[in-house]
Amino acid sequence: MTKEEFKKTLETAVGGTAYGDEIIEDLVAHFDETGKYAQNAKDRLDERIATLKGWAKKHEAEGQADKAAEELAKVAIAEKALAAIA
């Protein structure tokens, strides 16, 4: 897959939202032409998802359900991106 094809795949999956566009920008910037782009992208997304889930859990424990929901919405976007490149 070329860098442009990779970007279009992500745009189709998660483009159009601020967080989705942020993910696309990050993954395309770290695209590896040697063919390891998918593993690198999966690793980056796994880290994002884990971090977001941690923040959601922290907000929930602090009684901030609205902030937890925001983090979980970001998790859903990151998981869509992950599914698109898997």
PDB file of N, CA and C in Angstrom:
ATOM      1  N   MET A   1       0.853  -1.167   0.000  1.00  0.00           N
ATOM      2  CA  MET A   1       0.000   0.000   0.000  1.00  0.00           C
ATOM      3  C   MET A   1       0.903   1.236   0.000  1.00  0.00           C
ATOM      4  N   THR A   2       0.535   2.186  -0.814  1.00  0.00           N
ATOM      5  CA  THR A   2       1.291   3.432  -0.847  1.00  0.00           C
ATOM      6  C   THR A   2       0.822   4.347   0.282  1.00  0.00           C
ATOM      7  N   LYS A   3       1.584   5.374   0.511  1.00  0.00           N
ATOM      8  CA  LYS A   3       1.231   6.343   1.551  1.00  0.00           C
ATOM      9  C   LYS A   3      -0.124   6.992   1.243  1.00  0.00           C
ATOM     10  N   GLU A   4      -0.353   7.303  -0.035  1.00  0.00           N
ATOM     11  CA  GLU A   4      -1.611   7.932  -0.427  1.00  0.00           C
ATOM     12  C   GLU A   4      -2.790   6.970  -0.249  1.00  0.00           C
ATOM     13  N   GLU A   5      -2.617   5.696  -0.591  1.00  0.00           N
ATOM     14  CA  GLU A   5      -3.674   4.701  -0.387  1.00  0.00           C
ATOM     15  C   GLU A   5      -3.967   4.526   1.101  1.00  0.00           C
ATOM     16  N   PHE A   6      -2.905   4.507   1.894  1.00  0.00           N
ATOM     17  CA  PHE A   6      -3.028   4.397   3.346  1.00  0.00           C
ATOM     18  C   PHE A   6      -3.853   5.561   3.893  1.00  0.00           C
ATOM     19  N   LYS A   7      -3.525   6.759   3.441  1.00  0.00           N
ATOM     20  CA  LYS A   7      -4.235   7.953   3.889  1.00  0.00           C
ATOM     21  C   LYS A   7      -5.709   7.894   3.489  1.00  0.00           C
ATOM     22  N   LYS A   8      -5.991   7.485   2.255  1.00  0.00           N
ATOM     23  CA  LYS A   8      -7.381   7.410   1.782  1.00  0.00           C
ATOM     24  C   LYS A   8      -8.186   6.368   2.577  1.00  0.00           C
ATOM     25  N   THR A   9      -7.547   5.255   2.916  1.00  0.00           N
ATOM     26  CA  THR A   9      -8.210   4.231   3.718  1.00  0.00           C
ATOM     27  C   THR A   9      -8.609   4.800   5.075  1.00  0.00           C
ATOM     28  N   LEU A  10      -7.692   5.516   5.691  1.00  0.00           N
ATOM     29  CA  LEU A  10      -7.982   6.125   6.988  1.00  0.00           C
ATOM     30  C   LEU A  10      -9.029   7.224   6.876  1.00  0.00           C
ATOM     31  N   GLU A  11      -8.945   8.028   5.823  1.00  0.00           N
ATOM     32  CA  GLU A  11      -9.936   9.096   5.641  1.00  0.00           C
ATOM     33  C   GLU A  11     -11.345   8.523   5.494  1.00  0.00           C
ATOM     34  N   THR A  12     -11.447   7.417   4.791  1.00  0.00           N
ATOM     35  CA  THR A  12     -12.748   6.771   4.622  1.00  0.00           C
ATOM     36  C   THR A  12     -13.278   6.265   5.961  1.00  0.00           C
ATOM     37  N   ALA A  13     -12.379   5.724   6.774  1.00  0.00           N
ATOM     38  CA  ALA A  13     -12.787   5.130   8.053  1.00  0.00           C
ATOM     39  C   ALA A  13     -13.074   6.165   9.130  1.00  0.00           C
ATOM     40  N   VAL A  14     -12.204   7.162   9.283  1.00  0.00           N
ATOM     41  CA  VAL A  14     -12.339   8.072  10.433  1.00  0.00           C
ATOM     42  C   VAL A  14     -12.207   9.551  10.097  1.00  0.00           C
ATOM     43  N   GLY A  15     -12.104   9.879   8.839  1.00  0.00           N
ATOM     44  CA  GLY A  15     -11.964  11.282   8.457  1.00  0.00           C
ATOM     45  C   GLY A  15     -13.226  12.078   8.736  1.00  0.00           C
ATOM     46  N   GLY A  16     -13.058  13.375   8.861  1.00  0.00           N
ATOM     47  CA  GLY A  16     -14.211  14.244   9.043  1.00  0.00           C
ATOM     48  C   GLY A  16     -14.496  14.648  10.473  1.00  0.00           C
ATOM     49  N   THR A  17     -13.777  14.063  11.413  1.00  0.00           N
ATOM     50  CA  THR A  17     -13.901  14.496  12.807  1.00  0.00           C
ATOM     51  C   THR A  17     -12.545  15.035  13.235  1.00  0.00           C
ATOM     52  N   ALA A  18     -12.552  15.898  14.197  1.00  0.00           N
ATOM     53  CA  ALA A  18     -11.287  16.486  14.649  1.00  0.00           C
ATOM     54  C   ALA A  18     -10.323  15.403  15.129  1.00  0.00           C
ATOM     55  N   TYR A  19     -10.820  14.470  15.923  1.00  0.00           N
ATOM     56  CA  TYR A  19      -9.927  13.432  16.450  1.00  0.00           C
ATOM     57  C   TYR A  19      -9.526  12.445  15.356  1.00  0.00           C
ATOM     58  N   GLY A  20     -10.443  12.114  14.476  1.00  0.00           N
ATOM     59  CA  GLY A  20     -10.110  11.234  13.362  1.00  0.00           C
ATOM     60  C   GLY A  20      -9.045  11.851  12.474  1.00  0.00           C
ATOM     61  N   ASP A  21      -9.179  13.135  12.197  1.00  0.00           N
ATOM     62  CA  ASP A  21      -8.179  13.832  11.380  1.00  0.00           C
ATOM     63  C   ASP A  21      -6.830  13.892  12.085  1.00  0.00           C
ATOM     64  N   GLU A  22      -6.845  14.019  13.402  1.00  0.00           N
ATOM     65  CA  GLU A  22      -5.602  14.006  14.180  1.00  0.00           C
ATOM     66  C   GLU A  22      -4.909  12.646  14.049  1.00  0.00           C
ATOM     67  N   ILE A  23      -5.687  11.591  14.130  1.00  0.00           N
ATOM     68  CA  ILE A  23      -5.130  10.245  13.982  1.00  0.00           C
ATOM     69  C   ILE A  23      -4.533  10.070  12.591  1.00  0.00           C
ATOM     70  N   ILE A  24      -5.258  10.498  11.576  1.00  0.00           N
ATOM     71  CA  ILE A  24      -4.771  10.375  10.200  1.00  0.00           C
ATOM     72  C   ILE A  24      -3.448  11.114  10.036  1.00  0.00           C
ATOM     73  N   GLU A  25      -3.402  12.326  10.527  1.00  0.00           N
ATOM     74  CA  GLU A  25      -2.180  13.135  10.414  1.00  0.00           C
ATOM     75  C   GLU A  25      -0.997  12.429  11.077  1.00  0.00           C
ATOM     76  N   ASP A  26      -1.220  11.891  12.254  1.00  0.00           N
ATOM     77  CA  ASP A  26      -0.157  11.203  12.990  1.00  0.00           C
ATOM     78  C   ASP A  26       0.320   9.957  12.243  1.00  0.00           C
ATOM     79  N   LEU A  27      -0.610   9.124  11.812  1.00  0.00           N
ATOM     80  CA  LEU A  27      -0.235   7.861  11.182  1.00  0.00           C
ATOM     81  C   LEU A  27       0.422   8.077   9.823  1.00  0.00           C
ATOM     82  N   VAL A  28      -0.069   9.043   9.070  1.00  0.00           N
ATOM     83  CA  VAL A  28       0.533   9.325   7.761  1.00  0.00           C
ATOM     84  C   VAL A  28       1.927   9.909   7.943  1.00  0.00           C
ATOM     85  N   ALA A  29       2.099  10.744   8.958  1.00  0.00           N
ATOM     86  CA  ALA A  29       3.422  11.328   9.224  1.00  0.00           C
ATOM     87  C   ALA A  29       4.445  10.260   9.592  1.00  0.00           C
ATOM     88  N   HIS A  30       3.986   9.163  10.171  1.00  0.00           N
ATOM     89  CA  HIS A  30       4.882   8.086  10.588  1.00  0.00           C
ATOM     90  C   HIS A  30       4.796   6.875   9.659  1.00  0.00           C
ATOM     91  N   PHE A  31       4.289   7.083   8.452  1.00  0.00           N
ATOM     92  CA  PHE A  31       4.176   6.010   7.470  1.00  0.00           C
ATOM     93  C   PHE A  31       5.573   5.508   7.124  1.00  0.00           C
ATOM     94  N   ASP A  32       5.733   4.192   7.135  1.00  0.00           N
ATOM     95  CA  ASP A  32       7.029   3.566   6.872  1.00  0.00           C
ATOM     96  C   ASP A  32       7.005   2.941   5.488  1.00  0.00           C
ATOM     97  N   GLU A  33       7.766   3.509   4.584  1.00  0.00           N
ATOM     98  CA  GLU A  33       7.790   3.045   3.194  1.00  0.00           C
ATOM     99  C   GLU A  33       8.334   1.626   3.042  1.00  0.00           C
ATOM    100  N   THR A  34       8.989   1.093   4.058  1.00  0.00           N
ATOM    101  CA  THR A  34       9.603  -0.231   3.937  1.00  0.00           C
ATOM    102  C   THR A  34       8.590  -1.363   4.060  1.00  0.00           C
ATOM    103  N   GLY A  35       7.339  -1.059   4.288  1.00  0.00           N
ATOM    104  CA  GLY A  35       6.321  -2.089   4.371  1.00  0.00           C
ATOM    105  C   GLY A  35       5.883  -2.404   5.789  1.00  0.00           C
ATOM    106  N   LYS A  36       6.461  -1.724   6.759  1.00  0.00           N
ATOM    107  CA  LYS A  36       6.090  -1.953   8.150  1.00  0.00           C
ATOM    108  C   LYS A  36       5.045  -0.937   8.617  1.00  0.00           C
ATOM    109  N   TYR A  37       4.457  -0.220   7.676  1.00  0.00           N
ATOM    110  CA  TYR A  37       3.508   0.836   8.025  1.00  0.00           C
ATOM    111  C   TYR A  37       2.337   0.310   8.834  1.00  0.00           C
ATOM    112  N   ALA A  38       1.841  -0.882   8.480  1.00  0.00           N
ATOM    113  CA  ALA A  38       0.665  -1.409   9.184  1.00  0.00           C
ATOM    114  C   ALA A  38       0.999  -1.732  10.630  1.00  0.00           C
ATOM    115  N   GLN A  39       2.118  -2.378  10.871  1.00  0.00           N
ATOM    116  CA  GLN A  39       2.491  -2.715  12.248  1.00  0.00           C
ATOM    117  C   GLN A  39       2.786  -1.457  13.047  1.00  0.00           C
ATOM    118  N   ASN A  40       3.486  -0.507  12.441  1.00  0.00           N
ATOM    119  CA  ASN A  40       3.767   0.756  13.137  1.00  0.00           C
ATOM    120  C   ASN A  40       2.469   1.480  13.486  1.00  0.00           C
ATOM    121  N   ALA A  41       1.534   1.521  12.539  1.00  0.00           N
ATOM    122  CA  ALA A  41       0.259   2.190  12.774  1.00  0.00           C
ATOM    123  C   ALA A  41      -0.534   1.463  13.855  1.00  0.00           C
ATOM    124  N   LYS A  42      -0.542   0.127  13.809  1.00  0.00           N
ATOM    125  CA  LYS A  42      -1.261  -0.645  14.824  1.00  0.00           C
ATOM    126  C   LYS A  42      -0.677  -0.390  16.202  1.00  0.00           C
ATOM    127  N   ASP A  43       0.646  -0.347  16.296  1.00  0.00           N
ATOM    128  CA  ASP A  43       1.288  -0.074  17.584  1.00  0.00           C
ATOM    129  C   ASP A  43       0.910   1.310  18.100  1.00  0.00           C
ATOM    130  N   ARG A  44       0.931   2.303  17.220  1.00  0.00           N
ATOM    131  CA  ARG A  44       0.590   3.667  17.627  1.00  0.00           C
ATOM    132  C   ARG A  44      -0.867   3.734  18.086  1.00  0.00           C
ATOM    133  N   LEU A  45      -1.752   3.059  17.361  1.00  0.00           N
ATOM    134  CA  LEU A  45      -3.171   3.070  17.741  1.00  0.00           C
ATOM    135  C   LEU A  45      -3.412   2.310  19.034  1.00  0.00           C
ATOM    136  N   ASP A  46      -2.723   1.187  19.224  1.00  0.00           N
ATOM    137  CA  ASP A  46      -2.857   0.445  20.481  1.00  0.00           C
ATOM    138  C   ASP A  46      -2.463   1.319  21.659  1.00  0.00           C
ATOM    139  N   GLU A  47      -1.390   2.093  21.502  1.00  0.00           N
ATOM    140  CA  GLU A  47      -0.959   2.998  22.574  1.00  0.00           C
ATOM    141  C   GLU A  47      -2.003   4.073  22.836  1.00  0.00           C
ATOM    142  N   ARG A  48      -2.548   4.633  21.761  1.00  0.00           N
ATOM    143  CA  ARG A  48      -3.592   5.661  21.914  1.00  0.00           C
ATOM    144  C   ARG A  48      -4.795   5.097  22.660  1.00  0.00           C
ATOM    145  N   ILE A  49      -5.240   3.927  22.226  1.00  0.00           N
ATOM    146  CA  ILE A  49      -6.433   3.315  22.820  1.00  0.00           C
ATOM    147  C   ILE A  49      -6.217   3.046  24.307  1.00  0.00           C
ATOM    148  N   ALA A  50      -5.066   2.499  24.641  1.00  0.00           N
ATOM    149  CA  ALA A  50      -4.775   2.211  26.046  1.00  0.00           C
ATOM    150  C   ALA A  50      -4.747   3.502  26.875  1.00  0.00           C
ATOM    151  N   THR A  51      -4.133   4.525  26.348  1.00  0.00           N
ATOM    152  CA  THR A  51      -4.058   5.810  27.050  1.00  0.00           C
ATOM    153  C   THR A  51      -5.449   6.402  27.245  1.00  0.00           C
ATOM    154  N   LEU A  52      -6.238   6.388  26.182  1.00  0.00           N
ATOM    155  CA  LEU A  52      -7.596   6.939  26.268  1.00  0.00           C
ATOM    156  C   LEU A  52      -8.451   6.174  27.265  1.00  0.00           C
ATOM    157  N   LYS A  53      -8.343   4.861  27.267  1.00  0.00           N
ATOM    158  CA  LYS A  53      -9.105   4.054  28.222  1.00  0.00           C
ATOM    159  C   LYS A  53      -8.664   4.357  29.651  1.00  0.00           C
ATOM    160  N   GLY A  54      -7.383   4.582  29.840  1.00  0.00           N
ATOM    161  CA  GLY A  54      -6.874   4.948  31.160  1.00  0.00           C
ATOM    162  C   GLY A  54      -7.452   6.271  31.635  1.00  0.00           C
ATOM    163  N   TRP A  55      -7.489   7.258  30.734  1.00  0.00           N
ATOM    164  CA  TRP A  55      -8.068   8.553  31.083  1.00  0.00           C
ATOM    165  C   TRP A  55      -9.563   8.424  31.361  1.00  0.00           C
ATOM    166  N   ALA A  56     -10.254   7.616  30.567  1.00  0.00           N
ATOM    167  CA  ALA A  56     -11.690   7.415  30.796  1.00  0.00           C
ATOM    168  C   ALA A  56     -11.930   6.812  32.170  1.00  0.00           C
ATOM    169  N   LYS A  57     -11.120   5.826  32.528  1.00  0.00           N
ATOM    170  CA  LYS A  57     -11.255   5.181  33.839  1.00  0.00           C
ATOM    171  C   LYS A  57     -10.987   6.184  34.966  1.00  0.00           C
ATOM    172  N   LYS A  58      -9.975   7.015  34.787  1.00  0.00           N
ATOM    173  CA  LYS A  58      -9.634   8.034  35.790  1.00  0.00           C
ATOM    174  C   LYS A  58     -10.781   9.035  35.950  1.00  0.00           C
ATOM    175  N   HIS A  59     -11.306   9.511  34.828  1.00  0.00           N
ATOM    176  CA  HIS A  59     -12.417  10.478  34.890  1.00  0.00           C
ATOM    177  C   HIS A  59     -13.649   9.853  35.543  1.00  0.00           C
ATOM    178  N   GLU A  60     -13.911   8.602  35.208  1.00  0.00           N
ATOM    179  CA  GLU A  60     -15.064   7.911  35.790  1.00  0.00           C
ATOM    180  C   GLU A  60     -14.899   7.787  37.303  1.00  0.00           C
ATOM    181  N   ALA A  61     -13.692   7.445  37.738  1.00  0.00           N
ATOM    182  CA  ALA A  61     -13.423   7.304  39.173  1.00  0.00           C
ATOM    183  C   ALA A  61     -13.568   8.631  39.909  1.00  0.00           C
ATOM    184  N   GLU A  62     -13.318   9.722  39.198  1.00  0.00           N
ATOM    185  CA  GLU A  62     -13.435  11.053  39.792  1.00  0.00           C
ATOM    186  C   GLU A  62     -14.841  11.617  39.655  1.00  0.00           C
ATOM    187  N   GLY A  63     -15.763  10.820  39.111  1.00  0.00           N
ATOM    188  CA  GLY A  63     -17.141  11.265  38.988  1.00  0.00           C
ATOM    189  C   GLY A  63     -17.386  12.201  37.818  1.00  0.00           C
ATOM    190  N   GLN A  64     -16.480  12.220  36.863  1.00  0.00           N
ATOM    191  CA  GLN A  64     -16.616  13.099  35.699  1.00  0.00           C
ATOM    192  C   GLN A  64     -17.059  12.269  34.484  1.00  0.00           C
ATOM    193  N   ALA A  65     -18.307  11.874  34.514  1.00  0.00           N
ATOM    194  CA  ALA A  65     -18.848  10.994  33.482  1.00  0.00           C
ATOM    195  C   ALA A  65     -18.787  11.623  32.093  1.00  0.00           C
ATOM    196  N   ASP A  66     -18.962  12.940  32.012  1.00  0.00           N
ATOM    197  CA  ASP A  66     -18.924  13.601  30.706  1.00  0.00           C
ATOM    198  C   ASP A  66     -17.531  13.516  30.081  1.00  0.00           C
ATOM    199  N   LYS A  67     -16.506  13.711  30.890  1.00  0.00           N
ATOM    200  CA  LYS A  67     -15.139  13.598  30.381  1.00  0.00           C
ATOM    201  C   LYS A  67     -14.804  12.154  30.024  1.00  0.00           C
ATOM    202  N   ALA A  68     -15.284  11.220  30.807  1.00  0.00           N
ATOM    203  CA  ALA A  68     -15.067   9.798  30.508  1.00  0.00           C
ATOM    204  C   ALA A  68     -15.719   9.444  29.176  1.00  0.00           C
ATOM    205  N   ALA A  69     -16.905   9.957  28.943  1.00  0.00           N
ATOM    206  CA  ALA A  69     -17.609   9.690  27.687  1.00  0.00           C
ATOM    207  C   ALA A  69     -16.845  10.261  26.495  1.00  0.00           C
ATOM    208  N   GLU A  70     -16.252  11.434  26.671  1.00  0.00           N
ATOM    209  CA  GLU A  70     -15.449  12.036  25.596  1.00  0.00           C
ATOM    210  C   GLU A  70     -14.261  11.136  25.243  1.00  0.00           C
ATOM    211  N   GLU A  71     -13.606  10.622  26.262  1.00  0.00           N
ATOM    212  CA  GLU A  71     -12.457   9.740  26.026  1.00  0.00           C
ATOM    213  C   GLU A  71     -12.900   8.449  25.340  1.00  0.00           C
ATOM    214  N   LEU A  72     -14.039   7.905  25.747  1.00  0.00           N
ATOM    215  CA  LEU A  72     -14.538   6.673  25.137  1.00  0.00           C
ATOM    216  C   LEU A  72     -14.975   6.897  23.696  1.00  0.00           C
ATOM    217  N   ALA A  73     -15.446   8.095  23.379  1.00  0.00           N
ATOM    218  CA  ALA A  73     -15.783   8.420  21.995  1.00  0.00           C
ATOM    219  C   ALA A  73     -14.510   8.419  21.139  1.00  0.00           C
ATOM    220  N   LYS A  74     -13.419   8.917  21.705  1.00  0.00           N
ATOM    221  CA  LYS A  74     -12.134   8.892  20.999  1.00  0.00           C
ATOM    222  C   LYS A  74     -11.647   7.457  20.819  1.00  0.00           C
ATOM    223  N   VAL A  75     -11.888   6.619  21.812  1.00  0.00           N
ATOM    224  CA  VAL A  75     -11.516   5.194  21.711  1.00  0.00           C
ATOM    225  C   VAL A  75     -12.231   4.581  20.512  1.00  0.00           C
ATOM    226  N   ALA A  76     -13.504   4.881  20.358  1.00  0.00           N
ATOM    227  CA  ALA A  76     -14.282   4.316  19.252  1.00  0.00           C
ATOM    228  C   ALA A  76     -13.694   4.728  17.901  1.00  0.00           C
ATOM    229  N   ILE A  77     -13.267   5.973  17.791  1.00  0.00           N
ATOM    230  CA  ILE A  77     -12.661   6.459  16.544  1.00  0.00           C
ATOM    231  C   ILE A  77     -11.337   5.741  16.293  1.00  0.00           C
ATOM    232  N   ALA A  78     -10.513   5.625  17.324  1.00  0.00           N
ATOM    233  CA  ALA A  78      -9.228   4.949  17.178  1.00  0.00           C
ATOM    234  C   ALA A  78      -9.423   3.477  16.813  1.00  0.00           C
ATOM    235  N   GLU A  79     -10.439   2.847  17.385  1.00  0.00           N
ATOM    236  CA  GLU A  79     -10.713   1.441  17.060  1.00  0.00           C
ATOM    237  C   GLU A  79     -11.188   1.286  15.621  1.00  0.00           C
ATOM    238  N   LYS A  80     -11.933   2.266  15.092  1.00  0.00           N
ATOM    239  CA  LYS A  80     -12.338   2.243  13.682  1.00  0.00           C
ATOM    240  C   LYS A  80     -11.104   2.336  12.790  1.00  0.00           C
ATOM    241  N   ALA A  81     -10.174   3.207  13.152  1.00  0.00           N
ATOM    242  CA  ALA A  81      -8.940   3.353  12.374  1.00  0.00           C
ATOM    243  C   ALA A  81      -8.157   2.046  12.398  1.00  0.00           C
ATOM    244  N   LEU A  82      -8.086   1.438  13.549  1.00  0.00           N
ATOM    245  CA  LEU A  82      -7.367   0.172  13.699  1.00  0.00           C
ATOM    246  C   LEU A  82      -8.009  -0.918  12.829  1.00  0.00           C
ATOM    247  N   ALA A  83      -9.315  -0.987  12.834  1.00  0.00           N
ATOM    248  CA  ALA A  83     -10.017  -1.980  12.022  1.00  0.00           C
ATOM    249  C   ALA A  83      -9.784  -1.750  10.532  1.00  0.00           C
ATOM    250  N   ALA A  84      -9.665  -0.497  10.143  1.00  0.00           N
ATOM    251  CA  ALA A  84      -9.482  -0.156   8.717  1.00  0.00           C
ATOM    252  C   ALA A  84      -8.126  -0.603   8.191  1.00  0.00           C
ATOM    253  N   ILE A  85      -7.126  -0.633   9.051  1.00  0.00           N
ATOM    254  CA  ILE A  85      -5.780  -0.993   8.569  1.00  0.00           C
ATOM    255  C   ILE A  85      -5.388  -2.411   8.934  1.00  0.00           C
ATOM    256  N   ALA A  86      -6.234  -3.096   9.685  1.00  0.00           N
ATOM    257  CA  ALA A  86      -5.905  -4.460  10.119  1.00  0.00           C
ATOM    258  C   ALA A  86      -5.902  -5.445   8.970  1.00  0.00           C
TER     259      ALA A  86
END
